[in-house]
Amino acid sequence: MAYWLFKSEASTWSWEQQVAKGESGEEWDGVRNYQARNFMREMQLGDRGFFYLSQKDRKIVGIVEVCAEAHPDSTTDDPRWDCVDIKAVRPVAEPVTLDQIKAEDRLSEMVLVRNSRLSVQPVTESEWRIICEMGHTKPD
């Protein structure tokens, strides 16, 4: 299993909207960055991810699972853009803020810390476990 982080603005797509999609999940569409798209092309069914609210909130609020592998993004006719579908698994018991992540020395190499603008990014297993611990949430 691989781990990822998916960024969203609460005003565009909230955790509550993700949860409401249930088992069928939702396309993680609209990504127009080649590196983020390539990460989605690497994803496999069952991979887990953090649901991260960007902009003013800047915090991890939930755990999601990839429920459909990369396929054409339905929001464009441009064949260069793919997306995956994700479904909510559970909220984190205590949201983990970007400030908390940056303050944790063990997370200093995390992509979120080094390249915070990337909308879809990998998370190492070690980073996954540390953040789950910080959020008082079981890692699996």
Protein backbone atom coordinates (compact mmCIF):
# COMPACT_ATOMS: atom_id res chain seq x y z
CA MET A 1 0.00 0.00 0.00
CA ALA A 2 1.18 3.52 -0.80
CA TYR A 3 0.20 6.71 1.00
CA TRP A 4 -0.76 10.09 -0.42
CA LEU A 5 -2.06 13.53 0.45
CA PHE A 6 -4.96 15.16 -1.43
CA LYS A 7 -5.44 18.90 -1.04
CA SER A 8 -8.77 20.65 -1.29
CA GLU A 9 -10.20 24.03 -0.49
CA ALA A 10 -13.17 23.61 1.85
CA SER A 11 -15.16 26.11 -0.23
CA THR A 12 -14.63 23.95 -3.35
CA TRP A 13 -14.83 20.40 -1.94
CA SER A 14 -15.18 19.81 1.79
CA TRP A 15 -14.59 16.77 3.94
CA GLU A 16 -18.34 16.64 4.57
CA GLN A 17 -19.00 16.47 0.81
CA GLN A 18 -16.42 13.68 0.49
CA VAL A 19 -18.06 11.71 3.29
CA ALA A 20 -21.50 12.21 1.72
CA LYS A 21 -20.32 10.41 -1.45
CA GLY A 22 -20.15 7.18 0.53
CA GLU A 23 -18.66 3.97 -0.82
CA SER A 24 -18.83 5.10 -4.44
CA GLY A 25 -16.45 7.97 -3.74
CA GLU A 26 -15.76 10.86 -6.07
CA GLU A 27 -13.36 11.76 -8.87
CA TRP A 28 -10.40 13.79 -7.69
CA ASP A 29 -10.74 15.92 -10.79
CA GLY A 30 -9.46 19.25 -11.99
CA VAL A 31 -5.78 18.59 -11.30
CA ARG A 32 -3.73 20.37 -13.96
CA ASN A 33 -0.21 19.76 -12.77
CA TYR A 34 1.85 17.06 -14.50
CA GLN A 35 3.64 15.90 -11.36
CA ALA A 36 0.37 15.57 -9.40
CA ARG A 37 -1.23 13.77 -12.38
CA ASN A 38 1.70 11.37 -12.56
CA PHE A 39 1.33 10.58 -8.87
CA MET A 40 -2.33 9.72 -9.48
CA ARG A 41 -1.28 7.43 -12.33
CA GLU A 42 0.87 5.52 -9.80
CA MET A 43 -1.99 4.97 -7.36
CA GLN A 44 -3.55 1.58 -6.84
CA LEU A 45 -6.87 0.45 -5.40
CA GLY A 46 -6.73 0.52 -1.62
CA ASP A 47 -3.97 3.11 -1.34
CA ARG A 48 -4.69 5.50 1.52
CA GLY A 49 -4.45 9.25 1.63
CA PHE A 50 -4.86 12.22 3.89
CA PHE A 51 -7.64 14.68 3.07
CA TYR A 52 -5.98 18.06 3.58
CA LEU A 53 -7.78 21.39 3.65
CA SER A 54 -5.63 24.11 2.11
CA GLN A 55 -6.07 27.87 2.12
CA LYS A 56 -7.00 29.29 5.52
CA ASP A 57 -7.59 25.96 7.29
CA ARG A 58 -4.35 24.17 6.39
CA LYS A 59 -5.01 20.93 8.21
CA ILE A 60 -5.46 17.21 7.70
CA VAL A 61 -9.03 16.31 8.61
CA GLY A 62 -9.59 12.82 7.23
CA ILE A 63 -8.36 9.61 5.68
CA VAL A 64 -9.45 8.54 2.21
CA GLU A 65 -8.92 5.47 0.05
CA VAL A 66 -8.36 5.17 -3.68
CA CYS A 67 -11.46 3.37 -5.01
CA ALA A 68 -10.80 3.75 -8.77
CA GLU A 69 -7.41 3.86 -10.45
CA ALA A 70 -6.35 6.56 -12.89
CA HIS A 71 -8.80 7.26 -15.71
CA PRO A 72 -9.61 10.27 -17.93
CA ASP A 73 -10.71 13.34 -15.98
CA SER A 74 -14.38 13.91 -16.82
CA THR A 75 -14.04 17.70 -16.43
CA THR A 76 -11.98 18.06 -19.62
CA ASP A 77 -11.73 16.67 -23.15
CA ASP A 78 -7.94 17.06 -23.01
CA PRO A 79 -6.52 13.51 -22.97
CA ARG A 80 -3.46 14.58 -20.98
CA TRP A 81 -5.41 14.79 -17.72
CA ASP A 82 -6.30 11.80 -15.58
CA CYS A 83 -7.69 11.43 -12.08
CA VAL A 84 -8.50 8.77 -9.50
CA ASP A 85 -11.62 8.30 -7.43
CA ILE A 86 -11.37 8.45 -3.65
CA LYS A 87 -13.77 7.61 -0.84
CA ALA A 88 -13.77 8.76 2.77
CA VAL A 89 -12.60 6.17 5.29
CA ARG A 90 -12.78 8.14 8.54
CA PRO A 91 -12.01 11.53 10.01
CA VAL A 92 -8.85 12.02 12.00
CA ALA A 93 -9.77 12.21 15.68
CA GLU A 94 -7.91 15.49 16.03
CA PRO A 95 -7.10 17.53 12.90
CA VAL A 96 -3.37 18.00 12.31
CA THR A 97 -2.40 21.49 11.19
CA LEU A 98 0.34 22.49 8.80
CA ASP A 99 1.99 24.40 11.67
CA GLN A 100 2.07 21.20 13.75
CA ILE A 101 3.55 19.27 10.83
CA LYS A 102 6.23 21.91 10.26
CA ALA A 103 7.08 21.90 13.97
CA GLU A 104 7.65 18.13 13.99
CA ASP A 105 11.34 17.47 13.21
CA ARG A 106 10.59 13.95 11.97
CA LEU A 107 8.46 15.48 9.17
CA SER A 108 11.02 18.02 7.93
CA GLU A 109 11.50 16.17 4.62
CA MET A 110 7.80 15.71 3.92
CA VAL A 111 6.67 16.98 0.52
CA LEU A 112 3.97 19.08 2.21
CA VAL A 113 6.70 20.93 4.11
CA ARG A 114 9.08 21.31 1.17
CA ASN A 115 6.58 21.84 -1.70
CA SER A 116 3.32 22.89 -0.13
CA ARG A 117 1.75 23.96 -3.45
CA LEU A 118 1.53 20.47 -4.97
CA SER A 119 -2.13 19.35 -4.86
CA VAL A 120 -1.51 15.59 -4.86
CA GLN A 121 1.65 14.28 -3.25
CA PRO A 122 3.23 11.14 -1.83
CA VAL A 123 3.52 10.48 1.90
CA THR A 124 6.04 7.96 3.24
CA GLU A 125 4.87 5.18 5.56
CA SER A 126 6.85 6.78 8.39
CA GLU A 127 5.23 10.18 7.77
CA TRP A 128 1.82 8.48 7.62
CA ARG A 129 2.30 6.85 11.01
CA ILE A 130 3.63 10.03 12.65
CA ILE A 131 0.70 12.12 11.42
CA CYS A 132 -1.83 9.47 12.45
CA GLU A 133 -0.21 9.47 15.90
CA MET A 134 -0.40 13.29 16.02
CA GLY A 135 -4.09 13.09 15.04
CA HIS A 136 -4.84 10.33 17.59
CA THR A 137 -6.02 8.12 14.71
CA LYS A 138 -5.14 4.52 13.93
CA PRO A 139 -2.88 4.30 10.86
CA ASP A 140 -4.69 1.44 9.09
